[in-house]
Amino acid sequence: MLNNKNILITGGTGSFGHHFVDYVLKHYKPKKIIIYSRDEYKQFLMDNDYKEYRDILRFFIGDVRDEARIRMAMQGVDYVIHAAALKQVPACEYNPNEAIKTNVTGAMNVINASLGTGVRKVVALSTDKAVNPINLYGGTKLVSDKLFTAANAYSGKDGTRFSVVRYGNVAGSRGSVIPFFQNIIDNGGTELPITDYRMTRFWISLEEGVRLVIKALEEAKGGETFISKIPSFKITDLAQAMLPGCSMPEVGIREGEKLHEIMVTREDSLHTYEYEKHFIVYPHYNWWGPQDVLPGGKPVEPEFEYSSGTNTQWLSVEEIQALLQTDLDKH
């Protein structure tokens, strides 16, 4: 599907961008991959990482806040992956105007530029924090998700198709708990602080996240939210997997932090279908109908909720250690 196609990734120098590029170059033969981001140094480093693909990769300095610039970058583009966002919860709480400019206005700019340049499909990356948001970051991403879903109403029958992929903290990505713990361990620490002993999270690797985006690009008709079926783990088990026998002082939940990640709410269950390896939350608009449901799924039970705290799949300490080692071996 991506063979001989032009692909643009906003925020493409991040963890997801690197893995997406790796995956696409391994499995497809794209005509061009455009990395659109505002950090020229990260672009320089990424360009060096992919020297042998300079005939395919293009680096475009720009900000999603600048609609004219991103519209220019999208000329001739077939598919857009929107990964750019301000993601740090405390930073967004302290800088709400900046979070809104990037996460909300930036989303509108991506939508308008995609519609204006005839992009075929757009997949926007979401987060568990957009579900029942309790912090500004989550609030901005909820608005972003709604914007991308509603954008299908403006694209016409054969126009741009917009969909959303939702997952929680990606294992090992910048800002996740794993590098935080690892930094303590690397500096000789003997205890790992736990904000709350009851805390759980979903485990998703970057590769699983990339595969879900590819699935959305392949299958989306417009307006769907794709969510992977993935295992949960306890934060205390992660700490013991990384530093066996360590002490774990409970330090209290940070501002805007949840005990559990929720991917599908009870309210969403009315429009959610379960598939073999994922869920899809379908849009609830008059332009969408039952005929648009992708084959192979079945409606979830009323008031179903997909939460890391009540998940049916759990990782043991040993399984977490094996996954951590697999990730290390890949790097």
C-alpha atoms as a PDB file:
ATOM      1  CA  MET A   1       0.000   0.000   0.000  1.00  0.00           C
ATOM      2  CA  LEU A   2       2.864   2.394   0.736  1.00  0.00           C
ATOM      3  CA  ASN A   3       4.921   1.355  -2.269  1.00  0.00           C
ATOM      4  CA  ASN A   4       5.761   4.302  -4.530  1.00  0.00           C
ATOM      5  CA  LYS A   5       3.835   6.655  -2.214  1.00  0.00           C
ATOM      6  CA  ASN A   6       4.794   9.937  -0.548  1.00  0.00           C
ATOM      7  CA  ILE A   7       4.400   9.953   3.247  1.00  0.00           C
ATOM      8  CA  LEU A   8       4.717  12.880   5.677  1.00  0.00           C
ATOM      9  CA  ILE A   9       5.223  12.495   9.435  1.00  0.00           C
ATOM     10  CA  THR A  10       4.704  15.507  11.675  1.00  0.00           C
ATOM     11  CA  GLY A  11       6.973  15.371  14.709  1.00  0.00           C
ATOM     12  CA  GLY A  12       8.895  12.772  12.752  1.00  0.00           C
ATOM     13  CA  THR A  13      12.182  13.015  14.691  1.00  0.00           C
ATOM     14  CA  GLY A  14      10.645  11.483  17.835  1.00  0.00           C
ATOM     15  CA  SER A  15      10.682   7.857  18.988  1.00  0.00           C
ATOM     16  CA  PHE A  16       7.633   6.978  16.932  1.00  0.00           C
ATOM     17  CA  GLY A  17       9.022   8.651  13.806  1.00  0.00           C
ATOM     18  CA  HIS A  18      12.253   6.641  13.946  1.00  0.00           C
ATOM     19  CA  HIS A  19      10.414   3.335  14.348  1.00  0.00           C
ATOM     20  CA  PHE A  20       7.859   4.217  11.689  1.00  0.00           C
ATOM     21  CA  VAL A  21      10.625   5.011   9.199  1.00  0.00           C
ATOM     22  CA  ASP A  22      12.454   1.773  10.114  1.00  0.00           C
ATOM     23  CA  TYR A  23       9.289  -0.272   9.607  1.00  0.00           C
ATOM     24  CA  VAL A  24       8.280   1.343   6.324  1.00  0.00           C
ATOM     25  CA  LEU A  25      11.771   1.063   4.819  1.00  0.00           C
ATOM     26  CA  LYS A  26      11.902  -2.613   5.833  1.00  0.00           C
ATOM     27  CA  HIS A  27       8.476  -3.615   4.515  1.00  0.00           C
ATOM     28  CA  TYR A  28       7.698  -1.191   1.679  1.00  0.00           C
ATOM     29  CA  LYS A  29       9.325   0.810  -1.104  1.00  0.00           C
ATOM     30  CA  PRO A  30       8.020   4.356  -0.628  1.00  0.00           C
ATOM     31  CA  LYS A  31       8.829   7.083  -3.105  1.00  0.00           C
ATOM     32  CA  LYS A  32       9.480   9.663  -0.400  1.00  0.00           C
ATOM     33  CA  ILE A  33       9.207  10.043   3.400  1.00  0.00           C
ATOM     34  CA  ILE A  34       9.056  13.625   4.626  1.00  0.00           C
ATOM     35  CA  ILE A  35      10.091  14.323   8.224  1.00  0.00           C
ATOM     36  CA  TYR A  36       8.325  17.509   9.299  1.00  0.00           C
ATOM     37  CA  SER A  37       9.522  18.931  12.628  1.00  0.00           C
ATOM     38  CA  ARG A  38      10.899  22.107  14.193  1.00  0.00           C
ATOM     39  CA  ASP A  39      14.179  20.840  15.709  1.00  0.00           C
ATOM     40  CA  GLU A  40      16.954  21.128  13.123  1.00  0.00           C
ATOM     41  CA  TYR A  41      19.490  19.338  15.342  1.00  0.00           C
ATOM     42  CA  LYS A  42      17.299  16.245  15.692  1.00  0.00           C
ATOM     43  CA  GLN A  43      16.801  16.330  11.930  1.00  0.00           C
ATOM     44  CA  PHE A  44      20.568  16.469  11.474  1.00  0.00           C
ATOM     45  CA  LEU A  45      21.036  13.429  13.731  1.00  0.00           C
ATOM     46  CA  MET A  46      18.249  11.503  12.018  1.00  0.00           C
ATOM     47  CA  ASP A  47      19.653  12.335   8.587  1.00  0.00           C
ATOM     48  CA  ASN A  48      22.983  10.819   9.682  1.00  0.00           C
ATOM     49  CA  ASP A  49      21.198   7.713  10.948  1.00  0.00           C
ATOM     50  CA  TYR A  50      19.675   7.127   7.509  1.00  0.00           C
ATOM     51  CA  LYS A  51      22.522   8.180   5.209  1.00  0.00           C
ATOM     52  CA  GLU A  52      21.870   5.320   2.799  1.00  0.00           C
ATOM     53  CA  TYR A  53      18.261   6.486   2.319  1.00  0.00           C
ATOM     54  CA  ARG A  54      18.907  10.121   1.429  1.00  0.00           C
ATOM     55  CA  ASP A  55      17.249   9.539  -1.929  1.00  0.00           C
ATOM     56  CA  ILE A  56      14.000   8.731  -0.049  1.00  0.00           C
ATOM     57  CA  LEU A  57      14.057  10.804   3.154  1.00  0.00           C
ATOM     58  CA  ARG A  58      13.403  14.541   3.111  1.00  0.00           C
ATOM     59  CA  PHE A  59      13.692  16.814   6.142  1.00  0.00           C
ATOM     60  CA  PHE A  60      11.366  19.787   6.335  1.00  0.00           C
ATOM     61  CA  ILE A  61      11.828  22.293   9.165  1.00  0.00           C
ATOM     62  CA  GLY A  62       8.468  23.639  10.241  1.00  0.00           C
ATOM     63  CA  ASP A  63       5.886  23.856  13.008  1.00  0.00           C
ATOM     64  CA  VAL A  64       2.349  22.493  12.892  1.00  0.00           C
ATOM     65  CA  ARG A  65       1.303  25.912  14.192  1.00  0.00           C
ATOM     66  CA  ASP A  66       2.219  27.300  10.751  1.00  0.00           C
ATOM     67  CA  GLU A  67      -0.505  26.227   8.314  1.00  0.00           C
ATOM     68  CA  ALA A  68       1.141  27.793   5.257  1.00  0.00           C
ATOM     69  CA  ARG A  69       4.397  25.958   5.930  1.00  0.00           C
ATOM     70  CA  ILE A  70       2.788  22.582   6.458  1.00  0.00           C
ATOM     71  CA  ARG A  71       0.593  23.077   3.411  1.00  0.00           C
ATOM     72  CA  MET A  72       3.780  23.613   1.394  1.00  0.00           C
ATOM     73  CA  ALA A  73       5.304  20.430   2.836  1.00  0.00           C
ATOM     74  CA  MET A  74       2.198  18.415   1.913  1.00  0.00           C
ATOM     75  CA  GLN A  75       2.326  19.108  -1.808  1.00  0.00           C
ATOM     76  CA  GLY A  76       2.100  15.751  -3.580  1.00  0.00           C
ATOM     77  CA  VAL A  77       1.791  13.781  -0.314  1.00  0.00           C
ATOM     78  CA  ASP A  78      -0.411  10.661  -0.249  1.00  0.00           C
ATOM     79  CA  TYR A  79      -0.437   9.813   3.479  1.00  0.00           C
ATOM     80  CA  VAL A  80       0.094  11.878   6.625  1.00  0.00           C
ATOM     81  CA  ILE A  81       0.920  10.584  10.117  1.00  0.00           C
ATOM     82  CA  HIS A  82       0.291  13.309  12.682  1.00  0.00           C
ATOM     83  CA  ALA A  83       2.590  12.598  15.637  1.00  0.00           C
ATOM     84  CA  ALA A  84       3.572  16.165  16.608  1.00  0.00           C
ATOM     85  CA  ALA A  85       2.332  17.275  20.029  1.00  0.00           C
ATOM     86  CA  LEU A  86       3.333  18.763  23.338  1.00  0.00           C
ATOM     87  CA  LYS A  87       3.100  15.636  25.506  1.00  0.00           C
ATOM     88  CA  GLN A  88       4.583  16.353  28.932  1.00  0.00           C
ATOM     89  CA  VAL A  89       1.670  16.654  31.370  1.00  0.00           C
ATOM     90  CA  PRO A  90       3.314  19.089  33.848  1.00  0.00           C
ATOM     91  CA  ALA A  91       4.648  21.278  31.014  1.00  0.00           C
ATOM     92  CA  CYS A  92       1.190  21.514  29.463  1.00  0.00           C
ATOM     93  CA  GLU A  93      -0.340  22.387  32.844  1.00  0.00           C
ATOM     94  CA  TYR A  94       2.153  25.228  33.297  1.00  0.00           C
ATOM     95  CA  ASN A  95       2.026  26.393  29.651  1.00  0.00           C
ATOM     96  CA  PRO A  96      -1.615  25.908  28.635  1.00  0.00           C
ATOM     97  CA  ASN A  97      -1.570  28.457  25.807  1.00  0.00           C
ATOM     98  CA  GLU A  98       1.388  26.714  24.178  1.00  0.00           C
ATOM     99  CA  ALA A  99      -0.256  23.288  24.503  1.00  0.00           C
ATOM    100  CA  ILE A 100      -3.412  24.583  22.847  1.00  0.00           C
ATOM    101  CA  LYS A 101      -1.451  26.202  19.997  1.00  0.00           C
ATOM    102  CA  THR A 102       0.349  22.964  19.165  1.00  0.00           C
ATOM    103  CA  ASN A 103      -2.177  20.269  20.052  1.00  0.00           C
ATOM    104  CA  VAL A 104      -5.414  21.968  18.987  1.00  0.00           C
ATOM    105  CA  THR A 105      -4.529  24.703  16.492  1.00  0.00           C
ATOM    106  CA  GLY A 106      -1.819  22.436  15.082  1.00  0.00           C
ATOM    107  CA  ALA A 107      -4.404  19.690  14.528  1.00  0.00           C
ATOM    108  CA  MET A 108      -6.679  22.141  12.709  1.00  0.00           C
ATOM    109  CA  ASN A 109      -3.766  23.220  10.509  1.00  0.00           C
ATOM    110  CA  VAL A 110      -2.913  19.617   9.613  1.00  0.00           C
ATOM    111  CA  ILE A 111      -6.569  18.970   8.725  1.00  0.00           C
ATOM    112  CA  ASN A 112      -6.923  22.113   6.600  1.00  0.00           C
ATOM    113  CA  ALA A 113      -3.618  21.523   4.814  1.00  0.00           C
ATOM    114  CA  SER A 114      -4.530  17.876   4.119  1.00  0.00           C
ATOM    115  CA  LEU A 115      -7.913  18.844   2.682  1.00  0.00           C
ATOM    116  CA  GLY A 116      -6.343  21.636   0.629  1.00  0.00           C
ATOM    117  CA  THR A 117      -3.625  19.487  -0.926  1.00  0.00           C
ATOM    118  CA  GLY A 118      -5.630  16.320  -1.624  1.00  0.00           C
ATOM    119  CA  VAL A 119      -3.918  13.974   0.848  1.00  0.00           C
ATOM    120  CA  ARG A 120      -5.520  10.533   0.628  1.00  0.00           C
ATOM    121  CA  LYS A 121      -5.421   9.472   4.295  1.00  0.00           C
ATOM    122  CA  VAL A 122      -4.401  11.015   7.609  1.00  0.00           C
ATOM    123  CA  VAL A 123      -3.808   9.051  10.819  1.00  0.00           C
ATOM    124  CA  ALA A 124      -3.511  11.076  14.028  1.00  0.00           C
ATOM    125  CA  LEU A 125      -1.820   9.640  17.119  1.00  0.00           C
ATOM    126  CA  SER A 126      -3.877   9.954  20.285  1.00  0.00           C
ATOM    127  CA  THR A 127      -3.357   8.961  23.918  1.00  0.00           C
ATOM    128  CA  ASP A 128      -5.179   7.314  26.801  1.00  0.00           C
ATOM    129  CA  LYS A 129      -5.109  10.728  28.475  1.00  0.00           C
ATOM    130  CA  ALA A 130      -7.684  11.955  25.945  1.00  0.00           C
ATOM    131  CA  VAL A 131     -10.170   9.532  27.540  1.00  0.00           C
ATOM    132  CA  ASN A 132     -12.016  11.143  30.460  1.00  0.00           C
ATOM    133  CA  PRO A 133      -9.252  13.794  30.632  1.00  0.00           C
ATOM    134  CA  ILE A 134      -8.169  15.163  34.002  1.00  0.00           C
ATOM    135  CA  ASN A 135      -5.292  17.323  32.762  1.00  0.00           C
ATOM    136  CA  LEU A 136      -4.808  19.917  30.049  1.00  0.00           C
ATOM    137  CA  TYR A 137      -2.756  17.615  27.837  1.00  0.00           C
ATOM    138  CA  GLY A 138      -5.590  15.092  27.819  1.00  0.00           C
ATOM    139  CA  GLY A 139      -8.108  17.851  27.159  1.00  0.00           C
ATOM    140  CA  THR A 140      -6.200  19.132  24.142  1.00  0.00           C
ATOM    141  CA  LYS A 141      -5.849  15.631  22.728  1.00  0.00           C
ATOM    142  CA  LEU A 142      -9.568  14.965  23.199  1.00  0.00           C
ATOM    143  CA  VAL A 143     -10.286  18.103  21.160  1.00  0.00           C
ATOM    144  CA  SER A 144      -7.728  16.998  18.573  1.00  0.00           C
ATOM    145  CA  ASP A 145      -9.373  13.564  18.272  1.00  0.00           C
ATOM    146  CA  LYS A 146     -12.783  15.166  17.785  1.00  0.00           C
ATOM    147  CA  LEU A 147     -11.385  17.490  15.125  1.00  0.00           C
ATOM    148  CA  PHE A 148      -9.873  14.642  13.120  1.00  0.00           C
ATOM    149  CA  THR A 149     -13.038  12.556  13.369  1.00  0.00           C
ATOM    150  CA  ALA A 150     -15.312  15.432  12.354  1.00  0.00           C
ATOM    151  CA  ALA A 151     -12.999  16.394   9.468  1.00  0.00           C
ATOM    152  CA  ASN A 152     -14.419  13.493   7.450  1.00  0.00           C
ATOM    153  CA  ALA A 153     -17.632  15.462   7.076  1.00  0.00           C
ATOM    154  CA  TYR A 154     -15.765  18.138   5.106  1.00  0.00           C
ATOM    155  CA  SER A 155     -13.774  15.929   2.776  1.00  0.00           C
ATOM    156  CA  GLY A 156     -16.594  14.635   0.599  1.00  0.00           C
ATOM    157  CA  LYS A 157     -17.252  11.100  -0.591  1.00  0.00           C
ATOM    158  CA  ASP A 158     -13.890  10.613  -2.298  1.00  0.00           C
ATOM    159  CA  GLY A 159     -11.785  13.119  -0.350  1.00  0.00           C
ATOM    160  CA  THR A 160      -9.270  12.815   2.464  1.00  0.00           C
ATOM    161  CA  ARG A 161      -9.988  10.152   5.070  1.00  0.00           C
ATOM    162  CA  PHE A 162      -9.090  10.924   8.693  1.00  0.00           C
ATOM    163  CA  SER A 163      -8.736   8.358  11.491  1.00  0.00           C
ATOM    164  CA  VAL A 164      -7.192   8.147  14.963  1.00  0.00           C
ATOM    165  CA  VAL A 165      -4.928   5.609  16.667  1.00  0.00           C
ATOM    166  CA  ARG A 166      -5.037   5.586  20.478  1.00  0.00           C
ATOM    167  CA  TYR A 167      -2.529   4.037  22.850  1.00  0.00           C
ATOM    168  CA  GLY A 168      -0.946   4.847  26.200  1.00  0.00           C
ATOM    169  CA  ASN A 169       2.650   5.347  27.237  1.00  0.00           C
ATOM    170  CA  VAL A 170       4.865   3.513  24.773  1.00  0.00           C
ATOM    171  CA  ALA A 171       7.420   1.314  26.524  1.00  0.00           C
ATOM    172  CA  GLY A 172      10.775   3.065  26.556  1.00  0.00           C
ATOM    173  CA  SER A 173       9.637   6.225  24.773  1.00  0.00           C
ATOM    174  CA  ARG A 174      10.732   9.657  25.947  1.00  0.00           C
ATOM    175  CA  GLY A 175       8.794  10.646  29.057  1.00  0.00           C
ATOM    176  CA  SER A 176       7.711   7.116  29.982  1.00  0.00           C
ATOM    177  CA  VAL A 177       8.531   5.562  33.349  1.00  0.00           C
ATOM    178  CA  ILE A 178      11.102   3.073  31.971  1.00  0.00           C
ATOM    179  CA  PRO A 179      13.823   5.612  31.048  1.00  0.00           C
ATOM    180  CA  PHE A 180      13.060   7.445  34.316  1.00  0.00           C
ATOM    181  CA  PHE A 181      13.743   4.275  36.320  1.00  0.00           C
ATOM    182  CA  GLN A 182      16.742   3.404  34.133  1.00  0.00           C
ATOM    183  CA  ASN A 183      18.345   6.773  34.798  1.00  0.00           C
ATOM    184  CA  ILE A 184      18.089   6.173  38.553  1.00  0.00           C
ATOM    185  CA  ILE A 185      19.616   2.702  38.152  1.00  0.00           C
ATOM    186  CA  ASP A 186      22.434   3.980  35.899  1.00  0.00           C
ATOM    187  CA  ASN A 187      23.338   6.533  38.561  1.00  0.00           C
ATOM    188  CA  GLY A 188      23.644   3.908  41.275  1.00  0.00           C
ATOM    189  CA  GLY A 189      20.213   4.309  42.854  1.00  0.00           C
ATOM    190  CA  THR A 190      18.917   1.494  45.026  1.00  0.00           C
ATOM    191  CA  GLU A 191      15.267   2.560  45.287  1.00  0.00           C
ATOM    192  CA  LEU A 192      12.662   3.361  42.644  1.00  0.00           C
ATOM    193  CA  PRO A 193       9.912   5.803  43.652  1.00  0.00           C
ATOM    194  CA  ILE A 194       6.317   4.693  43.025  1.00  0.00           C
ATOM    195  CA  THR A 195       3.636   7.367  42.892  1.00  0.00           C
ATOM    196  CA  ASP A 196       0.916   4.909  43.988  1.00  0.00           C
ATOM    197  CA  TYR A 197       1.239   1.179  44.680  1.00  0.00           C
ATOM    198  CA  ARG A 198      -2.112   0.517  42.936  1.00  0.00           C
ATOM    199  CA  MET A 199      -0.996   2.074  39.638  1.00  0.00           C
ATOM    200  CA  THR A 200      -1.257   0.046  36.413  1.00  0.00           C
ATOM    201  CA  ARG A 201      -0.400   0.757  32.781  1.00  0.00           C
ATOM    202  CA  PHE A 202      -0.793  -0.870  29.377  1.00  0.00           C
ATOM    203  CA  TRP A 203       2.335  -2.207  27.681  1.00  0.00           C
ATOM    204  CA  ILE A 204       2.741  -1.382  24.003  1.00  0.00           C
ATOM    205  CA  SER A 205       5.980  -1.426  22.075  1.00  0.00           C
ATOM    206  CA  LEU A 206       6.840   1.147  19.440  1.00  0.00           C
ATOM    207  CA  GLU A 207       6.623  -1.546  16.771  1.00  0.00           C
ATOM    208  CA  GLU A 208       3.102  -2.497  17.871  1.00  0.00           C
ATOM    209  CA  GLY A 209       2.180   1.187  17.730  1.00  0.00           C
ATOM    210  CA  VAL A 210       3.566   1.461  14.207  1.00  0.00           C
ATOM    211  CA  ARG A 211       1.690  -1.664  13.059  1.00  0.00           C
ATOM    212  CA  LEU A 212      -1.563  -0.207  14.379  1.00  0.00           C
ATOM    213  CA  VAL A 213      -0.958   2.976  12.373  1.00  0.00           C
ATOM    214  CA  ILE A 214      -0.305   0.893   9.245  1.00  0.00           C
ATOM    215  CA  LYS A 215      -3.562  -0.988   9.867  1.00  0.00           C
ATOM    216  CA  ALA A 216      -5.428   2.316  10.123  1.00  0.00           C
ATOM    217  CA  LEU A 217      -3.852   3.497   6.863  1.00  0.00           C
ATOM    218  CA  GLU A 218      -4.894   0.266   5.166  1.00  0.00           C
ATOM    219  CA  GLU A 219      -8.412  -0.125   6.539  1.00  0.00           C
ATOM    220  CA  ALA A 220      -9.859   3.179   7.711  1.00  0.00           C
ATOM    221  CA  LYS A 221     -12.902   4.499   5.865  1.00  0.00           C
ATOM    222  CA  GLY A 222     -12.856   7.674   7.952  1.00  0.00           C
ATOM    223  CA  GLY A 223     -13.688   8.552  11.559  1.00  0.00           C
ATOM    224  CA  GLU A 224     -12.538   5.381  13.305  1.00  0.00           C
ATOM    225  CA  THR A 225     -10.426   5.234  16.464  1.00  0.00           C
ATOM    226  CA  PHE A 226      -8.159   2.151  16.479  1.00  0.00           C
ATOM    227  CA  ILE A 227      -7.025   0.685  19.823  1.00  0.00           C
ATOM    228  CA  SER A 228      -4.675  -2.310  20.221  1.00  0.00           C
ATOM    229  CA  LYS A 229      -5.388  -5.219  22.549  1.00  0.00           C
ATOM    230  CA  ILE A 230      -2.332  -5.231  24.785  1.00  0.00           C
ATOM    231  CA  PRO A 231      -1.354  -6.541  28.243  1.00  0.00           C
ATOM    232  CA  SER A 232      -1.298  -4.560  31.483  1.00  0.00           C
ATOM    233  CA  PHE A 233       1.372  -4.410  34.166  1.00  0.00           C
ATOM    234  CA  LYS A 234       1.699  -3.083  37.683  1.00  0.00           C
ATOM    235  CA  ILE A 235       4.185  -0.265  38.171  1.00  0.00           C
ATOM    236  CA  THR A 236       5.531  -2.097  41.222  1.00  0.00           C
ATOM    237  CA  ASP A 237       6.210  -5.170  39.041  1.00  0.00           C
ATOM    238  CA  LEU A 238       8.036  -2.998  36.498  1.00  0.00           C
ATOM    239  CA  ALA A 239      10.261  -1.638  39.284  1.00  0.00           C
ATOM    240  CA  GLN A 240      11.101  -5.157  40.485  1.00  0.00           C
ATOM    241  CA  ALA A 241      11.776  -6.283  36.906  1.00  0.00           C
ATOM    242  CA  MET A 242      14.256  -3.471  36.376  1.00  0.00           C
ATOM    243  CA  LEU A 243      15.920  -3.539  39.808  1.00  0.00           C
ATOM    244  CA  PRO A 244      15.083  -6.797  41.613  1.00  0.00           C
ATOM    245  CA  GLY A 245      14.763  -6.445  45.361  1.00  0.00           C
ATOM    246  CA  CYS A 246      14.777  -2.635  45.302  1.00  0.00           C
ATOM    247  CA  SER A 247      12.888  -0.577  47.851  1.00  0.00           C
ATOM    248  CA  MET A 248       9.879   1.280  46.432  1.00  0.00           C
ATOM    249  CA  PRO A 249       8.909   4.362  48.434  1.00  0.00           C
ATOM    250  CA  GLU A 250       5.407   5.614  47.670  1.00  0.00           C
ATOM    251  CA  VAL A 251       5.713   9.306  46.815  1.00  0.00           C
ATOM    252  CA  GLY A 252       2.177  10.303  45.798  1.00  0.00           C
ATOM    253  CA  ILE A 253       0.463  10.849  42.465  1.00  0.00           C
ATOM    254  CA  ARG A 254       1.754  13.757  40.381  1.00  0.00           C
ATOM    255  CA  GLU A 255      -0.515  16.462  39.034  1.00  0.00           C
ATOM    256  CA  GLY A 256      -2.689  15.188  36.206  1.00  0.00           C
ATOM    257  CA  GLU A 257      -1.713  11.543  36.731  1.00  0.00           C
ATOM    258  CA  LYS A 258      -4.216   8.659  36.686  1.00  0.00           C
ATOM    259  CA  LEU A 259      -4.156   5.366  38.576  1.00  0.00           C
ATOM    260  CA  HIS A 260      -5.103   3.394  35.459  1.00  0.00           C
ATOM    261  CA  GLU A 261      -5.080   3.934  31.708  1.00  0.00           C
ATOM    262  CA  ILE A 262      -8.484   3.761  30.010  1.00  0.00           C
ATOM    263  CA  MET A 263      -8.715   3.271  26.254  1.00  0.00           C
ATOM    264  CA  VAL A 264     -12.444   2.615  25.796  1.00  0.00           C
ATOM    265  CA  THR A 265     -15.020   4.197  28.104  1.00  0.00           C
ATOM    266  CA  ARG A 266     -18.419   2.784  29.007  1.00  0.00           C
ATOM    267  CA  GLU A 267     -19.939   5.550  26.915  1.00  0.00           C
ATOM    268  CA  ASP A 268     -17.761   4.584  23.931  1.00  0.00           C
ATOM    269  CA  SER A 269     -18.904   0.964  24.246  1.00  0.00           C
ATOM    270  CA  LEU A 270     -22.126   1.776  22.386  1.00  0.00           C
ATOM    271  CA  HIS A 271     -20.063   2.400  19.241  1.00  0.00           C
ATOM    272  CA  THR A 272     -17.153  -0.027  19.796  1.00  0.00           C
ATOM    273  CA  TYR A 273     -16.430  -3.268  17.946  1.00  0.00           C
ATOM    274  CA  GLU A 274     -13.956  -5.929  19.032  1.00  0.00           C
ATOM    275  CA  TYR A 275     -11.625  -7.564  16.515  1.00  0.00           C
ATOM    276  CA  GLU A 276      -9.010 -10.282  16.973  1.00  0.00           C
ATOM    277  CA  LYS A 277      -6.161  -7.955  17.933  1.00  0.00           C
ATOM    278  CA  HIS A 278      -7.778  -4.553  18.369  1.00  0.00           C
ATOM    279  CA  PHE A 279     -10.892  -2.519  19.069  1.00  0.00           C
ATOM    280  CA  ILE A 280     -12.413   0.166  16.874  1.00  0.00           C
ATOM    281  CA  VAL A 281     -14.556   2.995  18.232  1.00  0.00           C
ATOM    282  CA  TYR A 282     -16.737   4.113  15.339  1.00  0.00           C
ATOM    283  CA  PRO A 283     -17.934   7.697  14.885  1.00  0.00           C
ATOM    284  CA  HIS A 284     -21.405   8.768  15.953  1.00  0.00           C
ATOM    285  CA  TYR A 285     -22.382  11.163  13.179  1.00  0.00           C
ATOM    286  CA  ASN A 286     -25.167  11.237  10.584  1.00  0.00           C
ATOM    287  CA  TRP A 287     -22.632  10.750   7.771  1.00  0.00           C
ATOM    288  CA  TRP A 288     -21.592   7.376   9.166  1.00  0.00           C
ATOM    289  CA  GLY A 289     -23.714   4.224   9.121  1.00  0.00           C
ATOM    290  CA  PRO A 290     -23.628   0.493   9.994  1.00  0.00           C
ATOM    291  CA  GLN A 291     -22.573  -0.272   6.416  1.00  0.00           C
ATOM    292  CA  ASP A 292     -19.221   1.382   7.228  1.00  0.00           C
ATOM    293  CA  VAL A 293     -18.313  -1.134   9.971  1.00  0.00           C
ATOM    294  CA  LEU A 294     -15.189  -3.036   8.954  1.00  0.00           C
ATOM    295  CA  PRO A 295     -15.756  -6.804   8.613  1.00  0.00           C
ATOM    296  CA  GLY A 296     -14.588  -9.334  11.199  1.00  0.00           C
ATOM    297  CA  GLY A 297     -15.679  -7.529  14.361  1.00  0.00           C
ATOM    298  CA  LYS A 298     -18.507  -7.812  16.870  1.00  0.00           C
ATOM    299  CA  PRO A 299     -20.076  -5.176  19.127  1.00  0.00           C
ATOM    300  CA  VAL A 300     -18.728  -5.129  22.679  1.00  0.00           C
ATOM    301  CA  GLU A 301     -21.094  -5.571  25.599  1.00  0.00           C
ATOM    302  CA  PRO A 302     -22.961  -2.458  26.799  1.00  0.00           C
ATOM    303  CA  GLU A 303     -20.951  -0.569  29.435  1.00  0.00           C
ATOM    304  CA  PHE A 304     -17.769  -2.411  28.454  1.00  0.00           C
ATOM    305  CA  GLU A 305     -14.636  -0.541  29.547  1.00  0.00           C
ATOM    306  CA  TYR A 306     -11.083  -1.228  28.410  1.00  0.00           C
ATOM    307  CA  SER A 307      -8.892  -0.279  31.353  1.00  0.00           C
ATOM    308  CA  SER A 308      -5.380  -1.278  32.399  1.00  0.00           C
ATOM    309  CA  GLY A 309      -6.770  -1.943  35.871  1.00  0.00           C
ATOM    310  CA  THR A 310      -9.390  -4.502  34.790  1.00  0.00           C
ATOM    311  CA  ASN A 311      -7.626  -5.990  31.773  1.00  0.00           C
ATOM    312  CA  THR A 312      -7.675  -9.766  31.227  1.00  0.00           C
ATOM    313  CA  GLN A 313      -4.015  -9.866  30.081  1.00  0.00           C
ATOM    314  CA  TRP A 314      -1.257  -9.207  32.638  1.00  0.00           C
ATOM    315  CA  LEU A 315       2.523  -9.281  32.460  1.00  0.00           C
ATOM    316  CA  SER A 316       4.510 -10.975  35.217  1.00  0.00           C
ATOM    317  CA  VAL A 317       7.843  -9.631  36.482  1.00  0.00           C
ATOM    318  CA  GLU A 318       9.644 -12.275  34.404  1.00  0.00           C
ATOM    319  CA  GLU A 319       7.675 -11.390  31.261  1.00  0.00           C
ATOM    320  CA  ILE A 320       8.466  -7.688  31.744  1.00  0.00           C
ATOM    321  CA  GLN A 321      12.175  -8.546  32.069  1.00  0.00           C
ATOM    322  CA  ALA A 322      12.024 -10.553  28.836  1.00  0.00           C
ATOM    323  CA  LEU A 323      10.348  -7.665  26.991  1.00  0.00           C
ATOM    324  CA  LEU A 324      12.898  -5.191  28.339  1.00  0.00           C
ATOM    325  CA  GLN A 325      15.726  -7.446  27.191  1.00  0.00           C
ATOM    326  CA  THR A 326      14.168  -7.821  23.737  1.00  0.00           C
ATOM    327  CA  ASP A 327      14.013  -4.039  23.448  1.00  0.00           C
ATOM    328  CA  LEU A 328      17.664  -3.743  24.479  1.00  0.00           C
ATOM    329  CA  ASP A 329      18.709  -6.370  21.936  1.00  0.00           C
ATOM    330  CA  LYS A 330      16.999  -4.378  19.160  1.00  0.00           C
ATOM    331  CA  HIS A 331      19.093  -1.331  20.038  1.00  0.00           C
END
